[in-house]
């Protein structure tokens, strides 16, 4: 299996299919949260493509769930997130996620 974010630990990767591009936040899978809760609570960084730009995203916890909350809407707008796109996230460590965005035709943006 390839590791798209440079992290050999694919267990810290997940994907989301965009059903509402105007969503205010994005839920991180609970099983992933349990493995990295201490590291990622408060704030994380998202980076796309070549990593020239980073987005500071505050996280929100609700019970056993964690959400990318503050800054998520700006990330989605700047990256032109649309319905049916697939977002792949890989946790690179140090509070940073690499994000790859795929259109409905399966091609990476």
C-alpha atoms as a PDB file:
ATOM      1  CA  UNK A   1       0.000   0.000   0.000  1.00  0.00           C
ATOM      2  CA  UNK A   2       1.383   3.419  -0.869  1.00  0.00           C
ATOM      3  CA  UNK A   3       1.679   6.039   1.810  1.00  0.00           C
ATOM      4  CA  UNK A   4       0.571   9.269   0.214  1.00  0.00           C
ATOM      5  CA  UNK A   5       1.650  11.519   3.056  1.00  0.00           C
ATOM      6  CA  UNK A   6       5.067  10.084   3.616  1.00  0.00           C
ATOM      7  CA  UNK A   7       4.024   8.310   6.810  1.00  0.00           C
ATOM      8  CA  UNK A   8       4.671   4.565   6.749  1.00  0.00           C
ATOM      9  CA  UNK A   9       1.924   4.134   9.352  1.00  0.00           C
ATOM     10  CA  UNK A  10      -1.229   3.877   7.217  1.00  0.00           C
ATOM     11  CA  UNK A  11      -3.236   3.302  10.394  1.00  0.00           C
ATOM     12  CA  UNK A  12      -3.201   7.072  10.859  1.00  0.00           C
ATOM     13  CA  UNK A  13      -4.936   7.744   7.530  1.00  0.00           C
ATOM     14  CA  UNK A  14      -8.616   8.211   6.695  1.00  0.00           C
ATOM     15  CA  UNK A  15     -10.862   9.503   3.952  1.00  0.00           C
ATOM     16  CA  UNK A  16     -14.121  11.442   3.786  1.00  0.00           C
ATOM     17  CA  UNK A  17     -16.582  11.793   0.916  1.00  0.00           C
ATOM     18  CA  UNK A  18     -17.922  15.335   0.754  1.00  0.00           C
ATOM     19  CA  UNK A  19     -21.698  15.332   0.997  1.00  0.00           C
ATOM     20  CA  UNK A  20     -22.066  19.001   1.935  1.00  0.00           C
ATOM     21  CA  UNK A  21     -19.303  21.341   0.763  1.00  0.00           C
ATOM     22  CA  UNK A  22     -20.631  24.083   3.077  1.00  0.00           C
ATOM     23  CA  UNK A  23     -20.100  21.998   6.217  1.00  0.00           C
ATOM     24  CA  UNK A  24     -18.780  24.006   9.136  1.00  0.00           C
ATOM     25  CA  UNK A  25     -16.607  21.183  10.492  1.00  0.00           C
ATOM     26  CA  UNK A  26     -15.362  17.705   9.655  1.00  0.00           C
ATOM     27  CA  UNK A  27     -15.575  14.714  11.997  1.00  0.00           C
ATOM     28  CA  UNK A  28     -12.402  12.677  12.465  1.00  0.00           C
ATOM     29  CA  UNK A  29     -13.008   8.899  12.846  1.00  0.00           C
ATOM     30  CA  UNK A  30     -13.198   7.913  16.528  1.00  0.00           C
ATOM     31  CA  UNK A  31     -10.735   5.035  16.185  1.00  0.00           C
ATOM     32  CA  UNK A  32      -8.126   7.468  14.885  1.00  0.00           C
ATOM     33  CA  UNK A  33      -8.896  10.022  17.604  1.00  0.00           C
ATOM     34  CA  UNK A  34      -8.266   7.427  20.300  1.00  0.00           C
ATOM     35  CA  UNK A  35      -4.749   6.843  18.920  1.00  0.00           C
ATOM     36  CA  UNK A  36      -3.693  10.485  18.772  1.00  0.00           C
ATOM     37  CA  UNK A  37      -6.023  12.456  21.055  1.00  0.00           C
ATOM     38  CA  UNK A  38      -3.317  14.063  23.194  1.00  0.00           C
ATOM     39  CA  UNK A  39      -1.296  15.167  20.169  1.00  0.00           C
ATOM     40  CA  UNK A  40      -4.106  16.731  18.176  1.00  0.00           C
ATOM     41  CA  UNK A  41      -6.426  18.392  20.659  1.00  0.00           C
ATOM     42  CA  UNK A  42      -6.451  22.150  20.369  1.00  0.00           C
ATOM     43  CA  UNK A  43      -4.982  22.838  16.965  1.00  0.00           C
ATOM     44  CA  UNK A  44      -3.670  20.956  13.929  1.00  0.00           C
ATOM     45  CA  UNK A  45      -2.213  21.939  10.577  1.00  0.00           C
ATOM     46  CA  UNK A  46      -3.583  20.828   7.213  1.00  0.00           C
ATOM     47  CA  UNK A  47      -1.430  20.936   4.089  1.00  0.00           C
ATOM     48  CA  UNK A  48      -2.238  20.108   0.477  1.00  0.00           C
ATOM     49  CA  UNK A  49      -0.125  19.227  -2.524  1.00  0.00           C
ATOM     50  CA  UNK A  50       3.450  20.411  -2.304  1.00  0.00           C
ATOM     51  CA  UNK A  51       2.866  21.740   1.214  1.00  0.00           C
ATOM     52  CA  UNK A  52       3.657  25.379   0.460  1.00  0.00           C
ATOM     53  CA  UNK A  53       0.536  26.470   2.307  1.00  0.00           C
ATOM     54  CA  UNK A  54      -0.714  25.382   5.717  1.00  0.00           C
ATOM     55  CA  UNK A  55      -4.077  25.984   7.339  1.00  0.00           C
ATOM     56  CA  UNK A  56      -4.358  26.260  11.124  1.00  0.00           C
ATOM     57  CA  UNK A  57      -7.418  24.302  12.197  1.00  0.00           C
ATOM     58  CA  UNK A  58      -8.739  24.257  15.738  1.00  0.00           C
ATOM     59  CA  UNK A  59     -10.211  20.990  16.916  1.00  0.00           C
ATOM     60  CA  UNK A  60     -13.368  20.510  18.909  1.00  0.00           C
ATOM     61  CA  UNK A  61     -14.058  17.521  21.127  1.00  0.00           C
ATOM     62  CA  UNK A  62     -17.545  16.171  21.797  1.00  0.00           C
ATOM     63  CA  UNK A  63     -17.512  13.023  23.904  1.00  0.00           C
ATOM     64  CA  UNK A  64     -15.356  10.501  22.052  1.00  0.00           C
ATOM     65  CA  UNK A  65     -15.531  12.486  18.819  1.00  0.00           C
ATOM     66  CA  UNK A  66     -13.160  15.106  17.472  1.00  0.00           C
ATOM     67  CA  UNK A  67     -13.893  17.606  14.724  1.00  0.00           C
ATOM     68  CA  UNK A  68     -11.763  19.844  12.535  1.00  0.00           C
ATOM     69  CA  UNK A  69     -13.644  23.001  13.438  1.00  0.00           C
ATOM     70  CA  UNK A  70     -12.218  26.529  13.434  1.00  0.00           C
ATOM     71  CA  UNK A  71     -10.619  27.275  10.082  1.00  0.00           C
ATOM     72  CA  UNK A  72     -12.224  24.286   8.358  1.00  0.00           C
ATOM     73  CA  UNK A  73     -14.623  26.449   6.348  1.00  0.00           C
ATOM     74  CA  UNK A  74     -11.745  28.598   5.074  1.00  0.00           C
ATOM     75  CA  UNK A  75      -9.772  25.488   4.122  1.00  0.00           C
ATOM     76  CA  UNK A  76     -12.777  24.154   2.175  1.00  0.00           C
ATOM     77  CA  UNK A  77     -13.375  27.475   0.399  1.00  0.00           C
ATOM     78  CA  UNK A  78      -9.725  28.042  -0.552  1.00  0.00           C
ATOM     79  CA  UNK A  79      -9.439  24.498  -1.921  1.00  0.00           C
ATOM     80  CA  UNK A  80     -12.772  24.688  -3.761  1.00  0.00           C
ATOM     81  CA  UNK A  81     -14.152  21.606  -1.989  1.00  0.00           C
ATOM     82  CA  UNK A  82     -17.228  20.341  -3.828  1.00  0.00           C
ATOM     83  CA  UNK A  83     -19.869  17.697  -3.343  1.00  0.00           C
ATOM     84  CA  UNK A  84     -18.767  14.094  -4.108  1.00  0.00           C
ATOM     85  CA  UNK A  85     -15.068  14.903  -3.846  1.00  0.00           C
ATOM     86  CA  UNK A  86     -13.012  12.512  -1.751  1.00  0.00           C
ATOM     87  CA  UNK A  87     -10.579  13.906   0.795  1.00  0.00           C
ATOM     88  CA  UNK A  88      -7.730  11.659   1.975  1.00  0.00           C
ATOM     89  CA  UNK A  89      -6.013  12.608   5.235  1.00  0.00           C
ATOM     90  CA  UNK A  90      -2.705  11.238   6.463  1.00  0.00           C
ATOM     91  CA  UNK A  91      -1.405  12.161   9.891  1.00  0.00           C
ATOM     92  CA  UNK A  92       2.258  13.052   9.447  1.00  0.00           C
ATOM     93  CA  UNK A  93       2.901  13.590  13.146  1.00  0.00           C
ATOM     94  CA  UNK A  94       3.693  16.894  14.830  1.00  0.00           C
ATOM     95  CA  UNK A  95      -0.012  17.914  14.605  1.00  0.00           C
ATOM     96  CA  UNK A  96       0.097  17.941  10.771  1.00  0.00           C
ATOM     97  CA  UNK A  97      -2.209  16.229   8.265  1.00  0.00           C
ATOM     98  CA  UNK A  98      -1.480  15.966   4.547  1.00  0.00           C
ATOM     99  CA  UNK A  99      -4.713  16.247   2.551  1.00  0.00           C
ATOM    100  CA  UNK A 100      -5.207  14.929  -0.975  1.00  0.00           C
ATOM    101  CA  UNK A 101      -8.350  15.953  -2.856  1.00  0.00           C
ATOM    102  CA  UNK A 102      -9.890  13.783  -5.583  1.00  0.00           C
ATOM    103  CA  UNK A 103     -12.703  14.810  -7.920  1.00  0.00           C
ATOM    104  CA  UNK A 104     -15.689  12.564  -8.638  1.00  0.00           C
ATOM    105  CA  UNK A 105     -13.849  11.264 -11.728  1.00  0.00           C
ATOM    106  CA  UNK A 106     -11.105   9.895  -9.454  1.00  0.00           C
ATOM    107  CA  UNK A 107      -8.421  12.358 -10.538  1.00  0.00           C
ATOM    108  CA  UNK A 108      -6.434  14.234  -7.941  1.00  0.00           C
ATOM    109  CA  UNK A 109      -6.848  18.003  -7.948  1.00  0.00           C
END
